[in-house]
């Protein structure tokens, strides 16, 4: 599993590390729609990772929520949840 590390430190708080799964082809994901989840796999990446193809649908990175939502849907529509399982 690929992850990115971001430092979340401020002057008054201790340093903390946060991780976020970096999407890549072959990564297991879940399609989330109204609380129901369907397993899928990332088949293709476009636009430098801003658009993902999974289960035959395109999902774009929402600048508002930083979630991948189905292309053409509102920010609260069908989205992808990146799994934390290991696939290499």
C-alpha atoms as a PDB file:
ATOM      1  CA  UNK A   1       0.000   0.000   0.000  1.00  0.00           C
ATOM      2  CA  UNK A   2       1.284   3.424  -0.889  1.00  0.00           C
ATOM      3  CA  UNK A   3       0.721   6.237   1.555  1.00  0.00           C
ATOM      4  CA  UNK A   4       1.719   9.863   1.770  1.00  0.00           C
ATOM      5  CA  UNK A   5       2.830  11.430   5.016  1.00  0.00           C
ATOM      6  CA  UNK A   6       1.717  14.883   6.022  1.00  0.00           C
ATOM      7  CA  UNK A   7       2.948  16.671   9.107  1.00  0.00           C
ATOM      8  CA  UNK A   8       0.208  18.217  11.245  1.00  0.00           C
ATOM      9  CA  UNK A   9       2.287  20.271  13.638  1.00  0.00           C
ATOM     10  CA  UNK A  10       1.677  23.672  15.141  1.00  0.00           C
ATOM     11  CA  UNK A  11       3.565  25.716  17.693  1.00  0.00           C
ATOM     12  CA  UNK A  12       1.285  24.724  20.587  1.00  0.00           C
ATOM     13  CA  UNK A  13       0.642  21.061  19.774  1.00  0.00           C
ATOM     14  CA  UNK A  14       2.883  18.029  19.528  1.00  0.00           C
ATOM     15  CA  UNK A  15       3.893  16.805  16.086  1.00  0.00           C
ATOM     16  CA  UNK A  16       1.539  14.218  14.568  1.00  0.00           C
ATOM     17  CA  UNK A  17       1.761  12.212  11.371  1.00  0.00           C
ATOM     18  CA  UNK A  18      -1.312  11.657   9.232  1.00  0.00           C
ATOM     19  CA  UNK A  19      -1.458   9.194   6.375  1.00  0.00           C
ATOM     20  CA  UNK A  20      -3.670   9.072   3.322  1.00  0.00           C
ATOM     21  CA  UNK A  21      -3.843   6.195   0.855  1.00  0.00           C
ATOM     22  CA  UNK A  22      -2.458   7.172  -2.541  1.00  0.00           C
ATOM     23  CA  UNK A  23      -4.643   5.734  -5.310  1.00  0.00           C
ATOM     24  CA  UNK A  24      -3.032   3.487  -7.912  1.00  0.00           C
ATOM     25  CA  UNK A  25      -4.184   1.011 -10.538  1.00  0.00           C
ATOM     26  CA  UNK A  26      -5.159  -2.265  -8.863  1.00  0.00           C
ATOM     27  CA  UNK A  27      -6.060  -0.708  -5.502  1.00  0.00           C
ATOM     28  CA  UNK A  28      -9.197  -2.163  -3.928  1.00  0.00           C
ATOM     29  CA  UNK A  29     -11.854   0.497  -3.303  1.00  0.00           C
ATOM     30  CA  UNK A  30     -15.468   0.610  -2.234  1.00  0.00           C
ATOM     31  CA  UNK A  31     -18.222   2.407  -4.137  1.00  0.00           C
ATOM     32  CA  UNK A  32     -20.406   4.067  -1.484  1.00  0.00           C
ATOM     33  CA  UNK A  33     -23.987   4.985  -2.360  1.00  0.00           C
ATOM     34  CA  UNK A  34     -26.552   5.819   0.343  1.00  0.00           C
ATOM     35  CA  UNK A  35     -24.693   3.747   2.917  1.00  0.00           C
ATOM     36  CA  UNK A  36     -24.446   0.658   0.694  1.00  0.00           C
ATOM     37  CA  UNK A  37     -20.955  -0.376  -0.383  1.00  0.00           C
ATOM     38  CA  UNK A  38     -19.857  -2.344  -3.423  1.00  0.00           C
ATOM     39  CA  UNK A  39     -16.268  -3.585  -3.816  1.00  0.00           C
ATOM     40  CA  UNK A  40     -14.364  -2.447  -6.899  1.00  0.00           C
ATOM     41  CA  UNK A  41     -10.799  -2.033  -8.176  1.00  0.00           C
ATOM     42  CA  UNK A  42      -9.183   1.040  -9.715  1.00  0.00           C
ATOM     43  CA  UNK A  43      -8.822   0.208 -13.403  1.00  0.00           C
ATOM     44  CA  UNK A  44      -7.305   3.435 -14.707  1.00  0.00           C
ATOM     45  CA  UNK A  45      -6.008   6.810 -13.546  1.00  0.00           C
ATOM     46  CA  UNK A  46      -6.327  10.060 -15.520  1.00  0.00           C
ATOM     47  CA  UNK A  47      -5.381  13.702 -15.028  1.00  0.00           C
ATOM     48  CA  UNK A  48      -2.480  12.894 -12.724  1.00  0.00           C
ATOM     49  CA  UNK A  49      -4.699  10.972 -10.308  1.00  0.00           C
ATOM     50  CA  UNK A  50      -7.541  13.489 -10.164  1.00  0.00           C
ATOM     51  CA  UNK A  51      -9.826  11.120 -12.096  1.00  0.00           C
ATOM     52  CA  UNK A  52     -10.127   7.409 -11.293  1.00  0.00           C
ATOM     53  CA  UNK A  53     -11.937   4.730 -13.283  1.00  0.00           C
ATOM     54  CA  UNK A  54     -13.470   1.981 -11.140  1.00  0.00           C
ATOM     55  CA  UNK A  55     -16.295  -0.447 -11.955  1.00  0.00           C
ATOM     56  CA  UNK A  56     -16.616   1.216 -15.363  1.00  0.00           C
ATOM     57  CA  UNK A  57     -17.421   4.677 -13.948  1.00  0.00           C
ATOM     58  CA  UNK A  58     -15.263   7.797 -13.705  1.00  0.00           C
ATOM     59  CA  UNK A  59     -14.771   9.382 -10.273  1.00  0.00           C
ATOM     60  CA  UNK A  60     -13.298  12.866  -9.941  1.00  0.00           C
ATOM     61  CA  UNK A  61     -11.558  14.413  -6.953  1.00  0.00           C
ATOM     62  CA  UNK A  62     -13.892  16.984  -5.414  1.00  0.00           C
ATOM     63  CA  UNK A  63     -12.070  20.211  -4.545  1.00  0.00           C
ATOM     64  CA  UNK A  64     -14.705  20.865  -1.881  1.00  0.00           C
ATOM     65  CA  UNK A  65     -14.512  17.580   0.085  1.00  0.00           C
ATOM     66  CA  UNK A  66     -11.317  15.914  -1.221  1.00  0.00           C
ATOM     67  CA  UNK A  67     -13.370  12.749  -1.872  1.00  0.00           C
ATOM     68  CA  UNK A  68     -13.631  10.991  -5.212  1.00  0.00           C
ATOM     69  CA  UNK A  69     -17.230  11.399  -6.437  1.00  0.00           C
ATOM     70  CA  UNK A  70     -18.810   9.948  -9.565  1.00  0.00           C
ATOM     71  CA  UNK A  71     -18.382  12.304 -12.519  1.00  0.00           C
ATOM     72  CA  UNK A  72     -21.484  14.460 -12.938  1.00  0.00           C
ATOM     73  CA  UNK A  73     -22.793  13.808  -9.414  1.00  0.00           C
ATOM     74  CA  UNK A  74     -22.878  16.470  -6.668  1.00  0.00           C
ATOM     75  CA  UNK A  75     -20.204  16.443  -3.962  1.00  0.00           C
ATOM     76  CA  UNK A  76     -22.476  14.371  -1.697  1.00  0.00           C
ATOM     77  CA  UNK A  77     -23.289  11.758  -4.379  1.00  0.00           C
ATOM     78  CA  UNK A  78     -21.836   8.324  -5.112  1.00  0.00           C
ATOM     79  CA  UNK A  79     -18.189   8.232  -4.018  1.00  0.00           C
ATOM     80  CA  UNK A  80     -15.155   5.986  -3.744  1.00  0.00           C
ATOM     81  CA  UNK A  81     -13.699   4.956  -0.417  1.00  0.00           C
ATOM     82  CA  UNK A  82     -10.042   4.012  -0.749  1.00  0.00           C
ATOM     83  CA  UNK A  83      -9.327   0.784   1.113  1.00  0.00           C
ATOM     84  CA  UNK A  84      -6.476   0.386   3.556  1.00  0.00           C
ATOM     85  CA  UNK A  85      -5.791  -3.243   2.624  1.00  0.00           C
ATOM     86  CA  UNK A  86      -2.443  -4.112   1.110  1.00  0.00           C
ATOM     87  CA  UNK A  87      -2.215  -4.888  -2.590  1.00  0.00           C
ATOM     88  CA  UNK A  88       1.137  -4.843  -4.336  1.00  0.00           C
END
